Amino acid sequence: MADHKHGTMDTTVQENTYSGFMTFVTRFCIAMVFLAVFLAVFAT
């Protein structure tokens, strides 16, 4: 079994994926707030 040293794993792919996910979620939430405001102002 190979010796594992804690903290030596390259996590750049995971960090980039998480960063992209958080960017998507943030932009999606902002878009939903604008949609809700738009509907509140112009609907009915």
C-alpha atoms as a PDB file:
ATOM      1  CA  MET A   1       0.000   0.000   0.000  1.00  0.00           C
ATOM      2  CA  ALA A   2       1.332   3.434  -0.905  1.00  0.00           C
ATOM      3  CA  ASP A   3       2.245   5.881   1.803  1.00  0.00           C
ATOM      4  CA  HIS A   4      -0.091   8.864   1.877  1.00  0.00           C
ATOM      5  CA  LYS A   5       1.085  12.215   3.134  1.00  0.00           C
ATOM      6  CA  HIS A   6      -1.740  14.417   4.372  1.00  0.00           C
ATOM      7  CA  GLY A   7      -2.146  17.605   2.333  1.00  0.00           C
ATOM      8  CA  THR A   8      -0.225  16.497  -0.768  1.00  0.00           C
ATOM      9  CA  MET A   9      -3.181  15.876  -3.077  1.00  0.00           C
ATOM     10  CA  ASP A  10      -3.617  18.327  -5.967  1.00  0.00           C
ATOM     11  CA  THR A  11      -7.082  19.803  -5.470  1.00  0.00           C
ATOM     12  CA  THR A  12      -7.081  22.462  -8.189  1.00  0.00           C
ATOM     13  CA  VAL A  13      -9.769  20.683 -10.226  1.00  0.00           C
ATOM     14  CA  GLN A  14     -12.065  20.392  -7.212  1.00  0.00           C
ATOM     15  CA  GLU A  15     -11.447  24.028  -6.270  1.00  0.00           C
ATOM     16  CA  ASN A  16     -12.216  25.200  -9.812  1.00  0.00           C
ATOM     17  CA  THR A  17     -15.393  23.114  -9.918  1.00  0.00           C
ATOM     18  CA  TYR A  18     -16.567  24.508  -6.575  1.00  0.00           C
ATOM     19  CA  SER A  19     -15.746  28.050  -7.668  1.00  0.00           C
ATOM     20  CA  GLY A  20     -17.733  27.588 -10.882  1.00  0.00           C
ATOM     21  CA  PHE A  21     -20.656  26.102  -8.979  1.00  0.00           C
ATOM     22  CA  MET A  22     -20.721  28.999  -6.509  1.00  0.00           C
ATOM     23  CA  THR A  23     -20.581  31.507  -9.375  1.00  0.00           C
ATOM     24  CA  PHE A  24     -23.512  29.763 -11.069  1.00  0.00           C
ATOM     25  CA  VAL A  25     -25.588  29.666  -7.879  1.00  0.00           C
ATOM     26  CA  THR A  26     -24.896  33.326  -7.123  1.00  0.00           C
ATOM     27  CA  ARG A  27     -25.858  34.477 -10.615  1.00  0.00           C
ATOM     28  CA  PHE A  28     -28.943  32.249 -10.625  1.00  0.00           C
ATOM     29  CA  CYS A  29     -30.147  33.681  -7.300  1.00  0.00           C
ATOM     30  CA  ILE A  30     -29.615  37.237  -8.514  1.00  0.00           C
ATOM     31  CA  ALA A  31     -31.555  36.431 -11.701  1.00  0.00           C
ATOM     32  CA  MET A  32     -34.421  34.967  -9.639  1.00  0.00           C
ATOM     33  CA  VAL A  33     -34.588  38.107  -7.477  1.00  0.00           C
ATOM     34  CA  PHE A  34     -34.755  40.295 -10.598  1.00  0.00           C
ATOM     35  CA  LEU A  35     -37.437  38.025 -12.058  1.00  0.00           C
ATOM     36  CA  ALA A  36     -39.496  38.239  -8.875  1.00  0.00           C
ATOM     37  CA  VAL A  37     -39.192  42.034  -8.818  1.00  0.00           C
ATOM     38  CA  PHE A  38     -40.101  42.212 -12.512  1.00  0.00           C
ATOM     39  CA  LEU A  39     -43.184  40.067 -11.960  1.00  0.00           C
ATOM     40  CA  ALA A  40     -44.184  42.061  -8.890  1.00  0.00           C
ATOM     41  CA  VAL A  41     -43.963  45.335 -10.791  1.00  0.00           C
ATOM     42  CA  PHE A  42     -45.443  44.382 -14.180  1.00  0.00           C
ATOM     43  CA  ALA A  43     -47.762  41.424 -13.500  1.00  0.00           C
ATOM     44  CA  THR A  44     -51.500  42.101 -13.209  1.00  0.00           C
END
